[in-house]
Protein backbone atom coordinates (compact mmCIF):
# COMPACT_ATOMS: atom_id res chain seq x y z
CA MET A 1 2.95 -21.01 -6.15
CA LYS A 2 5.02 -19.02 -8.64
CA TYR A 3 5.80 -15.86 -6.65
CA TYR A 4 6.82 -15.33 -3.05
CA PRO A 5 4.22 -12.98 -1.55
CA ILE A 6 5.62 -10.09 0.46
CA PHE A 7 4.66 -6.61 1.71
CA LEU A 8 7.67 -4.35 1.30
CA ASP A 9 8.54 -1.30 3.42
CA VAL A 10 9.69 1.36 0.95
CA LYS A 11 9.52 4.33 3.31
CA ASP A 12 12.38 6.75 2.53
CA LYS A 13 13.83 4.29 0.00
CA ASP A 14 15.06 5.67 -3.35
CA CYS A 15 12.96 4.22 -6.15
CA LEU A 16 13.19 4.91 -9.87
CA VAL A 17 10.35 4.88 -12.38
CA VAL A 18 11.28 5.20 -16.06
CA GLY A 19 8.32 6.14 -18.24
CA GLY A 20 6.07 9.19 -18.42
CA GLY A 21 2.80 7.54 -19.42
CA PRO A 22 -0.22 6.65 -17.26
CA VAL A 23 1.41 3.37 -16.12
CA GLY A 24 4.57 5.11 -14.91
CA ALA A 25 2.50 7.80 -13.21
CA ARG A 26 0.43 5.20 -11.34
CA LYS A 27 3.54 3.38 -10.15
CA ALA A 28 5.15 6.64 -9.00
CA GLU A 29 1.99 7.73 -7.21
CA THR A 30 1.62 4.43 -5.34
CA LEU A 31 5.29 4.43 -4.31
CA GLU A 32 5.01 8.00 -3.04
CA LYS A 33 1.86 7.12 -1.15
CA CYS A 34 3.83 4.39 0.63
CA GLY A 35 6.53 6.85 1.67
CA ALA A 36 9.19 6.14 -0.94
CA SER A 37 11.52 8.77 -2.34
CA VAL A 38 10.51 8.60 -6.01
CA THR A 39 12.27 9.81 -9.14
CA LEU A 40 10.40 9.59 -12.45
CA ILE A 41 12.41 9.91 -15.66
CA SER A 42 11.04 10.35 -19.17
CA ASP A 43 11.86 12.44 -22.20
CA ARG A 44 8.17 13.37 -22.45
CA HIS A 45 5.27 13.27 -20.03
CA SER A 46 1.57 12.53 -20.23
CA PRO A 47 -1.08 14.56 -18.37
CA SER A 48 -1.05 11.78 -15.76
CA VAL A 49 2.51 12.70 -14.77
CA GLU A 50 1.70 16.39 -14.75
CA GLY A 51 -1.07 15.60 -12.29
CA LEU A 52 1.26 14.05 -9.71
CA LYS A 53 1.52 15.89 -6.40
CA GLN A 54 3.89 18.82 -6.77
CA GLY A 55 7.23 18.12 -5.11
CA ALA A 56 6.26 14.65 -3.89
CA VAL A 57 7.83 12.98 -6.94
CA CYS A 58 11.08 14.20 -8.50
CA ILE A 59 10.26 14.47 -12.21
CA LYS A 60 13.17 14.67 -14.66
CA ILE A 61 12.60 15.36 -18.34
CA LYS A 62 15.48 13.45 -19.89
CA SER A 63 16.42 10.22 -21.59
CA TYR A 64 17.23 7.25 -19.38
CA GLU A 65 20.89 6.41 -18.69
CA LYS A 66 22.30 3.48 -16.74
CA GLU A 67 23.64 5.87 -14.09
CA ASP A 68 20.04 6.78 -13.25
CA ALA A 69 19.53 3.31 -11.75
CA GLU A 70 22.59 3.37 -9.50
CA GLY A 71 21.86 3.27 -5.78
CA ARG A 72 18.13 2.68 -6.17
CA PHE A 73 16.14 0.36 -3.93
CA LEU A 74 13.73 -0.62 -6.73
CA VAL A 75 13.54 0.18 -10.44
CA PHE A 76 10.40 0.23 -12.59
CA ALA A 77 10.65 0.09 -16.38
CA ALA A 78 7.38 1.53 -17.65
CA THR A 79 8.14 2.95 -21.08
CA HIS A 80 6.38 2.14 -24.37
CA ASN A 81 9.69 0.91 -25.81
CA ALA A 82 10.22 -2.82 -25.21
CA ASP A 83 13.92 -2.61 -26.08
CA LEU A 84 14.45 0.23 -23.61
CA ASN A 85 12.55 -1.65 -20.92
CA ALA A 86 14.78 -4.67 -21.52
CA GLN A 87 17.89 -2.47 -21.23
CA ILE A 88 16.66 -0.98 -17.96
CA LYS A 89 16.09 -4.49 -16.61
CA LYS A 90 19.60 -5.52 -17.74
CA ASP A 91 21.14 -2.46 -16.06
CA ALA A 92 19.27 -3.11 -12.84
CA ALA A 93 20.38 -6.75 -12.82
CA ALA A 94 24.01 -5.69 -13.26
CA LEU A 95 23.59 -3.41 -10.25
CA ASN A 96 21.84 -6.14 -8.18
CA ILE A 97 18.63 -4.08 -8.05
CA LEU A 98 15.19 -5.65 -8.36
CA CYS A 99 13.27 -4.43 -11.41
CA ASN A 100 9.65 -4.57 -12.49
CA VAL A 101 8.95 -4.33 -16.21
CA ALA A 102 5.47 -3.09 -17.05
CA ASP A 103 3.33 -5.67 -18.88
CA ALA A 104 6.22 -8.16 -18.95
CA PRO A 105 6.03 -10.35 -15.83
CA GLU A 106 8.27 -12.94 -17.46
CA ASN A 107 11.06 -10.35 -17.58
CA SER A 108 10.49 -8.92 -14.10
CA ASP A 109 12.03 -9.74 -10.74
CA PHE A 110 8.64 -9.10 -9.12
CA VAL A 111 5.09 -8.34 -10.19
CA LEU A 112 2.69 -5.83 -8.68
CA PRO A 113 -0.63 -7.16 -7.40
CA SER A 114 -3.98 -5.54 -7.84
CA ILE A 115 -4.86 -4.12 -4.43
CA VAL A 116 -7.83 -3.27 -2.26
CA ASP A 117 -6.67 -0.31 -0.18
CA ARG A 118 -8.44 0.30 3.11
CA LYS A 119 -5.56 2.11 4.81
CA GLU A 120 -4.23 -0.43 7.34
CA LEU A 121 -6.00 -3.24 5.49
CA ILE A 122 -4.33 -4.10 2.20
CA VAL A 123 -5.69 -7.03 0.21
CA ALA A 124 -3.38 -8.03 -2.64
CA ILE A 125 -4.56 -10.10 -5.60
CA SER A 126 -2.28 -11.74 -8.11
CA THR A 127 -2.89 -14.13 -10.98
CA SER A 128 0.90 -14.59 -11.33
CA GLY A 129 0.83 -12.40 -14.41
CA SER A 130 -1.48 -14.70 -16.36
CA SER A 131 -4.59 -12.49 -16.32
CA PRO A 132 -4.44 -8.90 -15.04
CA ALA A 133 -8.07 -8.49 -16.15
CA MET A 134 -9.17 -11.26 -13.79
CA ALA A 135 -7.11 -9.74 -10.96
CA LYS A 136 -8.90 -6.44 -11.55
CA LYS A 137 -12.32 -8.17 -11.52
CA ILE A 138 -11.52 -9.92 -8.23
CA ARG A 139 -10.33 -6.60 -6.77
CA GLN A 140 -13.59 -4.92 -7.74
CA ASP A 141 -15.58 -7.73 -6.11
CA LEU A 142 -13.53 -7.52 -2.91
CA GLU A 143 -13.91 -3.73 -2.74
CA LYS A 144 -17.65 -4.27 -2.37
CA HIS A 145 -17.05 -6.63 0.54
CA PHE A 146 -14.31 -4.73 2.35
CA GLY A 147 -15.83 -1.28 2.80
CA PRO A 148 -14.42 1.84 4.52
CA GLU A 149 -15.55 0.50 7.90
CA TYR A 150 -12.54 -1.83 7.83
CA ALA A 151 -10.20 1.16 7.81
CA GLN A 152 -12.06 2.68 10.77
CA PHE A 153 -12.08 -0.63 12.64
CA LEU A 154 -8.35 -1.22 12.22
CA ALA A 155 -7.51 2.37 13.16
CA LEU A 156 -9.49 1.84 16.37
CA MET A 157 -7.76 -1.48 17.07
CA GLY A 158 -4.37 0.15 16.59
CA THR A 159 -5.20 2.93 19.05
CA ILE A 160 -6.49 0.44 21.62
CA ARG A 161 -3.36 -1.67 21.24
CA LYS A 162 -1.10 1.33 21.85
CA ARG A 163 -3.09 2.37 24.91
CA LEU A 164 -2.93 -1.13 26.35
CA LEU A 165 0.83 -1.28 25.82
CA SER A 166 1.38 2.16 27.37
CA SER A 167 -0.56 1.07 30.47
CA GLY A 168 1.70 -1.95 30.95
CA HIS A 169 -0.85 -4.48 29.76
CA ALA A 170 0.71 -7.85 28.90
CA PRO A 171 0.92 -8.28 25.10
CA ASP A 172 0.04 -11.97 25.42
CA ASP A 173 -3.41 -10.98 26.67
CA HIS A 174 -4.16 -8.74 23.68
CA LYS A 175 -5.32 -11.57 21.44
CA LYS A 176 -8.13 -12.49 23.84
CA ILE A 177 -9.30 -8.87 24.02
CA PHE A 178 -9.30 -8.32 20.28
CA TYR A 179 -11.09 -11.59 19.62
CA ALA A 180 -13.77 -10.50 22.09
CA LEU A 181 -14.22 -7.17 20.30
CA ILE A 182 -14.55 -8.95 16.96
CA GLU A 183 -16.97 -11.58 18.31
CA LYS A 184 -19.19 -8.89 19.82
CA GLY A 185 -19.75 -7.44 16.35
CA LEU A 186 -17.74 -4.24 16.68
CA LEU A 187 -17.07 -4.10 12.93
CA GLY A 188 -20.79 -4.20 12.11
CA LEU A 189 -21.52 -1.50 14.67
CA ILE A 190 -18.90 0.75 13.08
CA ARG A 191 -20.47 0.07 9.68
CA ALA A 192 -23.84 1.11 11.14
CA ASN A 193 -22.36 4.21 12.86
CA ASP A 194 -23.93 3.08 16.13
CA ASP A 195 -21.75 4.97 18.61
CA ILE A 196 -23.89 4.02 21.62
CA LYS A 197 -23.51 0.28 21.06
CA ILE A 198 -19.84 0.69 20.11
CA ASN A 199 -19.19 2.31 23.49
CA ALA A 200 -21.18 -0.44 25.22
CA VAL A 201 -18.93 -3.09 23.64
CA LEU A 202 -15.71 -1.20 24.40
CA GLN A 203 -16.67 -0.66 28.03
CA ASP A 204 -17.80 -4.25 28.45
CA VAL A 205 -14.49 -5.62 27.17
CA LEU A 206 -12.02 -2.91 28.20
CA GLY A 207 -13.59 -0.76 30.91
CA LYS A 208 -15.36 2.58 31.27
CA GLU A 209 -12.26 4.62 30.43
CA TYR A 210 -12.44 3.42 26.82
CA GLN A 211 -14.73 5.80 24.91
CA TYR A 212 -15.11 5.50 21.14
CA GLN A 213 -14.92 9.20 20.25
CA ASP A 214 -11.93 9.67 22.53
CA LEU A 215 -10.10 6.74 20.95
CA VAL A 216 -10.91 7.94 17.42
CA SER A 217 -9.67 11.47 18.11
CA THR A 218 -6.51 10.12 19.77
CA GLY A 219 -5.79 7.93 16.77
CA SER A 220 -6.20 10.82 14.33
CA ASP A 221 -3.64 12.89 16.25
CA GLU A 222 -0.92 10.23 16.00
């Protein structure tokens, strides 16, 4: 195994993206979606950058300077200039900051996987940089398997877990409860939008006070 797999919490972390093309825009958008404080620097921008959420990403129209990387949590070199990307990587290394260089895994401290995003469910696919096209194909196949019902299911499980904890339920007993919900086909019932049978399963495993619509509305308020 070439890379150490990890899911990184970037919430409120200062991250720098250098490059105003579609690749830089995608990296900035994903970072912002994960809660990072993102600055994107480029001397010119593509329509992709102009389409980023207003105010969510700090966009600076300027040439990159080493000082731009200082104090960052992560740096992304995503320009069309290989020499500039290499300089950004060198600057980041001197500052002990991890750097990803677009389309150059061999010159990066980490690579970005292709992902299936179902909110709480994140499936990451990597070919260790050897074939991004194959990673994309695998992602597309997995997206067909892991539909939106997985996001709904995990949101429900999270709400149930919080309610159990708030009622003083022993955490060690949670595994048995969640296995029972899975084994009774709760995911398939959510996929089928069968609220009656969903409630029957919840009440059988957890008790009459657990109602699907109530749990869903509670989860959406949190």
